PDB file of N, CA and C in Angstrom:
ATOM      1  N   UNK A   1      38.019-122.374 -76.079  1.00  0.00           N
ATOM      2  CA  UNK A   1      37.712-121.073 -75.511  1.00  0.00           C
ATOM      3  C   UNK A   1      36.866-121.292 -74.263  1.00  0.00           C
ATOM      4  N   UNK A   2      37.141-120.499 -73.283  1.00  0.00           N
ATOM      5  CA  UNK A   2      36.389-120.596 -72.041  1.00  0.00           C
ATOM      6  C   UNK A   2      35.740-119.251 -71.754  1.00  0.00           C
ATOM      7  N   UNK A   3      34.473-119.295 -71.379  1.00  0.00           N
ATOM      8  CA  UNK A   3      33.734-118.078 -71.060  1.00  0.00           C
ATOM      9  C   UNK A   3      33.254-118.200 -69.621  1.00  0.00           C
ATOM     10  N   UNK A   4      33.422-117.136 -68.876  1.00  0.00           N
ATOM     11  CA  UNK A   4      32.998-117.151 -67.466  1.00  0.00           C
ATOM     12  C   UNK A   4      31.762-116.272 -67.285  1.00  0.00           C
ATOM     13  N   UNK A   5      30.829-116.784 -66.510  1.00  0.00           N
ATOM     14  CA  UNK A   5      29.612-116.052 -66.182  1.00  0.00           C
ATOM     15  C   UNK A   5      29.499-115.923 -64.672  1.00  0.00           C
ATOM     16  N   UNK A   6      28.791-114.894 -64.247  1.00  0.00           N
ATOM     17  CA  UNK A   6      28.515-114.767 -62.817  1.00  0.00           C
ATOM     18  C   UNK A   6      27.536-115.875 -62.425  1.00  0.00           C
ATOM     19  N   UNK A   7      27.460-116.187 -61.150  1.00  0.00           N
ATOM     20  CA  UNK A   7      26.486-117.196 -60.716  1.00  0.00           C
ATOM     21  C   UNK A   7      25.045-116.834 -61.140  1.00  0.00           C
ATOM     22  N   UNK A   8      24.727-115.557 -61.088  1.00  0.00           N
ATOM     23  CA  UNK A   8      23.384-115.130 -61.493  1.00  0.00           C
ATOM     24  C   UNK A   8      23.161-115.389 -62.985  1.00  0.00           C
ATOM     25  N   UNK A   9      24.163-115.084 -63.793  1.00  0.00           N
ATOM     26  CA  UNK A   9      24.054-115.327 -65.229  1.00  0.00           C
ATOM     27  C   UNK A   9      23.946-116.822 -65.518  1.00  0.00           C
ATOM     28  N   UNK A  10      24.729-117.628 -64.811  1.00  0.00           N
ATOM     29  CA  UNK A  10      24.649-119.076 -64.986  1.00  0.00           C
ATOM     30  C   UNK A  10      23.261-119.582 -64.636  1.00  0.00           C
ATOM     31  N   UNK A  11      22.683-119.041 -63.576  1.00  0.00           N
ATOM     32  CA  UNK A  11      21.328-119.449 -63.185  1.00  0.00           C
ATOM     33  C   UNK A  11      20.322-119.078 -64.273  1.00  0.00           C
ATOM     34  N   UNK A  12      20.462-117.893 -64.838  1.00  0.00           N
ATOM     35  CA  UNK A  12      19.561-117.472 -65.917  1.00  0.00           C
ATOM     36  C   UNK A  12      19.709-118.383 -67.128  1.00  0.00           C
ATOM     37  N   UNK A  13      20.945-118.678 -67.510  1.00  0.00           N
ATOM     38  CA  UNK A  13      21.188-119.559 -68.645  1.00  0.00           C
ATOM     39  C   UNK A  13      20.629-120.958 -68.387  1.00  0.00           C
ATOM     40  N   UNK A  14      20.813-121.449 -67.188  1.00  0.00           N
ATOM     41  CA  UNK A  14      20.285-122.768 -66.838  1.00  0.00           C
ATOM     42  C   UNK A  14      18.766-122.792 -66.930  1.00  0.00           C
ATOM     43  N   UNK A  15      18.133-121.730 -66.483  1.00  0.00           N
ATOM     44  CA  UNK A  15      16.665-121.645 -66.550  1.00  0.00           C
ATOM     45  C   UNK A  15      16.187-121.627 -67.997  1.00  0.00           C
ATOM     46  N   UNK A  16      16.824-120.808 -68.825  1.00  0.00           N
ATOM     47  CA  UNK A  16      16.445-120.739 -70.242  1.00  0.00           C
ATOM     48  C   UNK A  16      16.675-122.084 -70.918  1.00  0.00           C
ATOM     49  N   UNK A  17      17.819-122.701 -70.635  1.00  0.00           N
ATOM     50  CA  UNK A  17      18.136-124.007 -71.227  1.00  0.00           C
ATOM     51  C   UNK A  17      17.129-125.057 -70.787  1.00  0.00           C
ATOM     52  N   UNK A  18      16.766-125.038 -69.528  1.00  0.00           N
ATOM     53  CA  UNK A  18      15.788-125.989 -69.005  1.00  0.00           C
ATOM     54  C   UNK A  18      14.451-125.833 -69.719  1.00  0.00           C
ATOM     55  N   UNK A  19      14.024-124.599 -69.901  1.00  0.00           N
ATOM     56  CA  UNK A  19      12.763-124.343 -70.599  1.00  0.00           C
ATOM     57  C   UNK A  19      12.819-124.797 -72.053  1.00  0.00           C
ATOM     58  N   UNK A  20      14.008-124.718 -72.654  1.00  0.00           N
ATOM     59  CA  UNK A  20      14.186-125.122 -74.048  1.00  0.00           C
ATOM     60  C   UNK A  20      14.453-126.620 -74.178  1.00  0.00           C
ATOM     61  N   UNK A  21      14.691-127.279 -73.060  1.00  0.00           N
ATOM     62  CA  UNK A  21      14.949-128.710 -73.077  1.00  0.00           C
ATOM     63  C   UNK A  21      16.346-129.082 -73.556  1.00  0.00           C
ATOM     64  N   UNK A  22      17.296-128.185 -73.342  1.00  0.00           N
ATOM     65  CA  UNK A  22      18.688-128.463 -73.717  1.00  0.00           C
ATOM     66  C   UNK A  22      19.599-128.118 -72.540  1.00  0.00           C
ATOM     67  N   UNK A  23      20.841-128.548 -72.640  1.00  0.00           N
ATOM     68  CA  UNK A  23      21.760-128.216 -71.552  1.00  0.00           C
ATOM     69  C   UNK A  23      22.323-126.810 -71.771  1.00  0.00           C
ATOM     70  N   UNK A  24      22.739-126.141 -70.699  1.00  0.00           N
ATOM     71  CA  UNK A  24      23.221-124.760 -70.803  1.00  0.00           C
ATOM     72  C   UNK A  24      24.384-124.582 -71.770  1.00  0.00           C
ATOM     73  N   UNK A  25      25.294-125.544 -71.824  1.00  0.00           N
ATOM     74  CA  UNK A  25      26.432-125.430 -72.737  1.00  0.00           C
ATOM     75  C   UNK A  25      25.955-125.375 -74.189  1.00  0.00           C
ATOM     76  N   UNK A  26      24.979-126.215 -74.540  1.00  0.00           N
ATOM     77  CA  UNK A  26      24.424-126.232 -75.904  1.00  0.00           C
ATOM     78  C   UNK A  26      23.735-124.897 -76.201  1.00  0.00           C
ATOM     79  N   UNK A  27      23.016-124.373 -75.213  1.00  0.00           N
ATOM     80  CA  UNK A  27      22.330-123.094 -75.367  1.00  0.00           C
ATOM     81  C   UNK A  27      23.320-121.990 -75.717  1.00  0.00           C
ATOM     82  N   UNK A  28      24.411-121.907 -74.957  1.00  0.00           N
ATOM     83  CA  UNK A  28      25.415-120.865 -75.180  1.00  0.00           C
ATOM     84  C   UNK A  28      26.114-121.068 -76.524  1.00  0.00           C
ATOM     85  N   UNK A  29      26.441-122.311 -76.847  1.00  0.00           N
ATOM     86  CA  UNK A  29      27.098-122.581 -78.117  1.00  0.00           C
ATOM     87  C   UNK A  29      26.197-122.205 -79.291  1.00  0.00           C
ATOM     88  N   UNK A  30      24.926-122.594 -79.223  1.00  0.00           N
ATOM     89  CA  UNK A  30      23.978-122.246 -80.291  1.00  0.00           C
ATOM     90  C   UNK A  30      23.843-120.734 -80.439  1.00  0.00           C
ATOM     91  N   UNK A  31      23.784-120.027 -79.319  1.00  0.00           N
ATOM     92  CA  UNK A  31      23.667-118.566 -79.359  1.00  0.00           C
ATOM     93  C   UNK A  31      24.907-117.939 -79.995  1.00  0.00           C
ATOM     94  N   UNK A  32      26.079-118.451 -79.644  1.00  0.00           N
ATOM     95  CA  UNK A  32      27.323-117.921 -80.219  1.00  0.00           C
ATOM     96  C   UNK A  32      27.374-118.183 -81.726  1.00  0.00           C
ATOM     97  N   UNK A  33      26.944-119.365 -82.148  1.00  0.00           N
ATOM     98  CA  UNK A  33      26.940-119.679 -83.576  1.00  0.00           C
ATOM     99  C   UNK A  33      25.959-118.792 -84.344  1.00  0.00           C
ATOM    100  N   UNK A  34      24.796-118.528 -83.750  1.00  0.00           N
ATOM    101  CA  UNK A  34      23.844-117.613 -84.396  1.00  0.00           C
ATOM    102  C   UNK A  34      24.433-116.213 -84.518  1.00  0.00           C
ATOM    103  N   UNK A  35      25.160-115.774 -83.501  1.00  0.00           N
ATOM    104  CA  UNK A  35      25.821-114.470 -83.549  1.00  0.00           C
ATOM    105  C   UNK A  35      26.836-114.421 -84.688  1.00  0.00           C
ATOM    106  N   UNK A  36      27.627-115.466 -84.831  1.00  0.00           N
ATOM    107  CA  UNK A  36      28.611-115.511 -85.905  1.00  0.00           C
ATOM    108  C   UNK A  36      27.946-115.490 -87.281  1.00  0.00           C
ATOM    109  N   UNK A  37      26.856-116.233 -87.436  1.00  0.00           N
ATOM    110  CA  UNK A  37      26.141-116.248 -88.714  1.00  0.00           C
ATOM    111  C   UNK A  37      25.550-114.879 -89.030  1.00  0.00           C
ATOM    112  N   UNK A  38      24.933-114.260 -88.027  1.00  0.00           N
ATOM    113  CA  UNK A  38      24.340-112.935 -88.217  1.00  0.00           C
ATOM    114  C   UNK A  38      25.412-111.910 -88.563  1.00  0.00           C
ATOM    115  N   UNK A  39      26.551-112.000 -87.899  1.00  0.00           N
ATOM    116  CA  UNK A  39      27.652-111.080 -88.171  1.00  0.00           C
ATOM    117  C   UNK A  39      28.164-111.258 -89.601  1.00  0.00           C
ATOM    118  N   UNK A  40      28.279-112.491 -90.040  1.00  0.00           N
ATOM    119  CA  UNK A  40      28.750-112.753 -91.408  1.00  0.00           C
ATOM    120  C   UNK A  40      27.771-112.181 -92.433  1.00  0.00           C
ATOM    121  N   UNK A  41      26.460-112.360 -92.193  1.00  0.00           N
ATOM    122  CA  UNK A  41      25.457-111.798 -93.120  1.00  0.00           C
ATOM    123  C   UNK A  41      25.521-110.270 -93.128  1.00  0.00           C
ATOM    124  N   UNK A  42      25.688-109.669 -91.953  1.00  0.00           N
ATOM    125  CA  UNK A  42      25.770-108.216 -91.863  1.00  0.00           C
ATOM    126  C   UNK A  42      26.980-107.695 -92.632  1.00  0.00           C
ATOM    127  N   UNK A  43      28.134-108.328 -92.408  1.00  0.00           N
ATOM    128  CA  UNK A  43      29.352-107.888 -93.091  1.00  0.00           C
ATOM    129  C   UNK A  43      29.237-108.042 -94.603  1.00  0.00           C
ATOM    130  N   UNK A  44      28.595-109.123 -95.054  1.00  0.00           N
ATOM    131  CA  UNK A  44      28.402-109.330 -96.498  1.00  0.00           C
ATOM    132  C   UNK A  44      27.478-108.250 -97.067  1.00  0.00           C
ATOM    133  N   UNK A  45      26.432-107.886 -96.320  1.00  0.00           N
ATOM    134  CA  UNK A  45      25.506-106.848 -96.788  1.00  0.00           C
ATOM    135  C   UNK A  45      26.207-105.495 -96.851  1.00  0.00           C
ATOM    136  N   UNK A  46      27.026-105.199 -95.858  1.00  0.00           N
ATOM    137  CA  UNK A  46      27.770-103.934 -95.871  1.00  0.00           C
ATOM    138  C   UNK A  46      28.723-103.906 -97.058  1.00  0.00           C
ATOM    139  N   UNK A  47      29.422-105.012 -97.294  1.00  0.00           N
ATOM    140  CA  UNK A  47      30.350-105.072 -98.424  1.00  0.00           C
ATOM    141  C   UNK A  47      29.603-104.876 -99.742  1.00  0.00           C
ATOM    142  N   UNK A  48      28.449-105.510 -99.871  1.00  0.00           N
ATOM    143  CA  UNK A  48      27.643-105.359-101.087  1.00  0.00           C
ATOM    144  C   UNK A  48      27.244-103.890-101.275  1.00  0.00           C
ATOM    145  N   UNK A  49      26.823-103.244-100.189  1.00  0.00           N
ATOM    146  CA  UNK A  49      26.451-101.836-100.260  1.00  0.00           C
ATOM    147  C   UNK A  49      27.610-100.948-100.650  1.00  0.00           C
ATOM    148  N   UNK A  50      28.776-101.233-100.111  1.00  0.00           N
ATOM    149  CA  UNK A  50      29.960-100.445-100.462  1.00  0.00           C
ATOM    150  C   UNK A  50      30.305-100.614-101.938  1.00  0.00           C
ATOM    151  N   UNK A  51      30.195-101.838-102.423  1.00  0.00           N
ATOM    152  CA  UNK A  51      30.482-102.093-103.835  1.00  0.00           C
ATOM    153  C   UNK A  51      29.472-101.365-104.734  1.00  0.00           C
ATOM    154  N   UNK A  52      28.205-101.359-104.326  1.00  0.00           N
ATOM    155  CA  UNK A  52      27.188-100.641-105.094  1.00  0.00           C
ATOM    156  C   UNK A  52      27.477 -99.140-105.086  1.00  0.00           C
ATOM    157  N   UNK A  53      27.844 -98.622-103.934  1.00  0.00           N
ATOM    158  CA  UNK A  53      28.157 -97.189-103.843  1.00  0.00           C
ATOM    159  C   UNK A  53      29.360 -96.846-104.715  1.00  0.00           C
ATOM    160  N   UNK A  54      30.359 -97.716-104.719  1.00  0.00           N
ATOM    161  CA  UNK A  54      31.536 -97.486-105.563  1.00  0.00           C
ATOM    162  C   UNK A  54      31.167 -97.431-107.047  1.00  0.00           C
ATOM    163  N   UNK A  55      30.114 -98.171-107.422  1.00  0.00           N
ATOM    164  CA  UNK A  55      29.661 -98.159-108.818  1.00  0.00           C
ATOM    165  C   UNK A  55      28.685 -97.013-109.090  1.00  0.00           C
ATOM    166  N   UNK A  56      28.379 -96.229-108.045  1.00  0.00           N
ATOM    167  CA  UNK A  56      27.462 -95.110-108.210  1.00  0.00           C
ATOM    168  C   UNK A  56      25.998 -95.507-108.158  1.00  0.00           C
ATOM    169  N   UNK A  57      25.725 -96.691-107.630  1.00  0.00           N
ATOM    170  CA  UNK A  57      24.347 -97.173-107.528  1.00  0.00           C
ATOM    171  C   UNK A  57      23.761 -96.737-106.186  1.00  0.00           C
ATOM    172  N   UNK A  58      22.876 -95.772-106.239  1.00  0.00           N
ATOM    173  CA  UNK A  58      22.255 -95.256-105.028  1.00  0.00           C
ATOM    174  C   UNK A  58      20.737 -95.310-105.159  1.00  0.00           C
ATOM    175  N   UNK A  59      20.049 -95.312-104.036  1.00  0.00           N
ATOM    176  CA  UNK A  59      18.589 -95.250-104.000  1.00  0.00           C
ATOM    177  C   UNK A  59      18.223 -93.810-103.676  1.00  0.00           C
ATOM    178  N   UNK A  60      17.286 -93.255-104.450  1.00  0.00           N
ATOM    179  CA  UNK A  60      16.912 -91.863-104.166  1.00  0.00           C
ATOM    180  C   UNK A  60      16.038 -91.793-102.910  1.00  0.00           C
ATOM    181  N   UNK A  61      15.873 -90.600-102.409  1.00  0.00           N
ATOM    182  CA  UNK A  61      15.184 -90.395-101.129  1.00  0.00           C
ATOM    183  C   UNK A  61      13.759 -90.922-101.140  1.00  0.00           C
ATOM    184  N   UNK A  62      13.021 -90.707-102.220  1.00  0.00           N
ATOM    185  CA  UNK A  62      11.631 -91.167-102.284  1.00  0.00           C
ATOM    186  C   UNK A  62      11.541 -92.693-102.224  1.00  0.00           C
ATOM    187  N   UNK A  63      12.426 -93.356-102.954  1.00  0.00           N
ATOM    188  CA  UNK A  63      12.433 -94.821-102.939  1.00  0.00           C
ATOM    189  C   UNK A  63      12.817 -95.339-101.557  1.00  0.00           C
ATOM    190  N   UNK A  64      13.780 -94.693-100.915  1.00  0.00           N
ATOM    191  CA  UNK A  64      14.184 -95.120 -99.575  1.00  0.00           C
ATOM    192  C   UNK A  64      13.024 -94.960 -98.596  1.00  0.00           C
ATOM    193  N   UNK A  65      12.300 -93.860 -98.691  1.00  0.00           N
ATOM    194  CA  UNK A  65      11.157 -93.646 -97.803  1.00  0.00           C
ATOM    195  C   UNK A  65      10.094 -94.709 -98.049  1.00  0.00           C
ATOM    196  N   UNK A  66       9.854 -95.054 -99.308  1.00  0.00           N
ATOM    197  CA  UNK A  66       8.876 -96.088 -99.633  1.00  0.00           C
ATOM    198  C   UNK A  66       9.300 -97.434 -99.041  1.00  0.00           C
ATOM    199  N   UNK A  67      10.583 -97.749 -99.114  1.00  0.00           N
ATOM    200  CA  UNK A  67      11.084 -99.007 -98.540  1.00  0.00           C
ATOM    201  C   UNK A  67      10.896 -99.027 -97.030  1.00  0.00           C
ATOM    202  N   UNK A  68      11.209 -97.912 -96.389  1.00  0.00           N
ATOM    203  CA  UNK A  68      11.053 -97.835 -94.931  1.00  0.00           C
ATOM    204  C   UNK A  68       9.591 -97.978 -94.553  1.00  0.00           C
ATOM    205  N   UNK A  69       8.721 -97.311 -95.285  1.00  0.00           N
ATOM    206  CA  UNK A  69       7.286 -97.410 -95.014  1.00  0.00           C
ATOM    207  C   UNK A  69       6.800 -98.853 -95.139  1.00  0.00           C
ATOM    208  N   UNK A  70       7.265 -99.568 -96.179  1.00  0.00           N
ATOM    209  CA  UNK A  70       6.862-100.961 -96.368  1.00  0.00           C
ATOM    210  C   UNK A  70       7.383-101.825 -95.225  1.00  0.00           C
ATOM    211  N   UNK A  71       8.609-101.572 -94.766  1.00  0.00           N
ATOM    212  CA  UNK A  71       9.167-102.349 -93.667  1.00  0.00           C
ATOM    213  C   UNK A  71       8.360-102.127 -92.388  1.00  0.00           C
ATOM    214  N   UNK A  72       7.963-100.904 -92.138  1.00  0.00           N
ATOM    215  CA  UNK A  72       7.230-100.594 -90.919  1.00  0.00           C
ATOM    216  C   UNK A  72       5.814-101.144 -90.938  1.00  0.00           C
ATOM    217  N   UNK A  73       5.262-101.348 -92.116  1.00  0.00           N
ATOM    218  CA  UNK A  73       3.909-101.887 -92.236  1.00  0.00           C
ATOM    219  C   UNK A  73       3.875-103.397 -92.049  1.00  0.00           C
ATOM    220  N   UNK A  74       5.020-104.079 -92.229  1.00  0.00           N
ATOM    221  CA  UNK A  74       5.036-105.541 -92.100  1.00  0.00           C
ATOM    222  C   UNK A  74       5.039-105.987 -90.674  1.00  0.00           C
TER     223      UNK A  74
END
């Protein structure tokens, strides 16, 4: 697969890669792999939620608010 960037984007990637001590190609490849991993985790979580909903397993409003409050406090 080949990906094309504008000269400005290439310069930005080169700068970030230089600061990280890696070459730009490795930087882009690592970023793409992280995206794929994150996407796979997201899709698995959505599937799990759908399966729970199909079984009638829901969180009530008070519990959801408590979870959100705990997340915002961290």
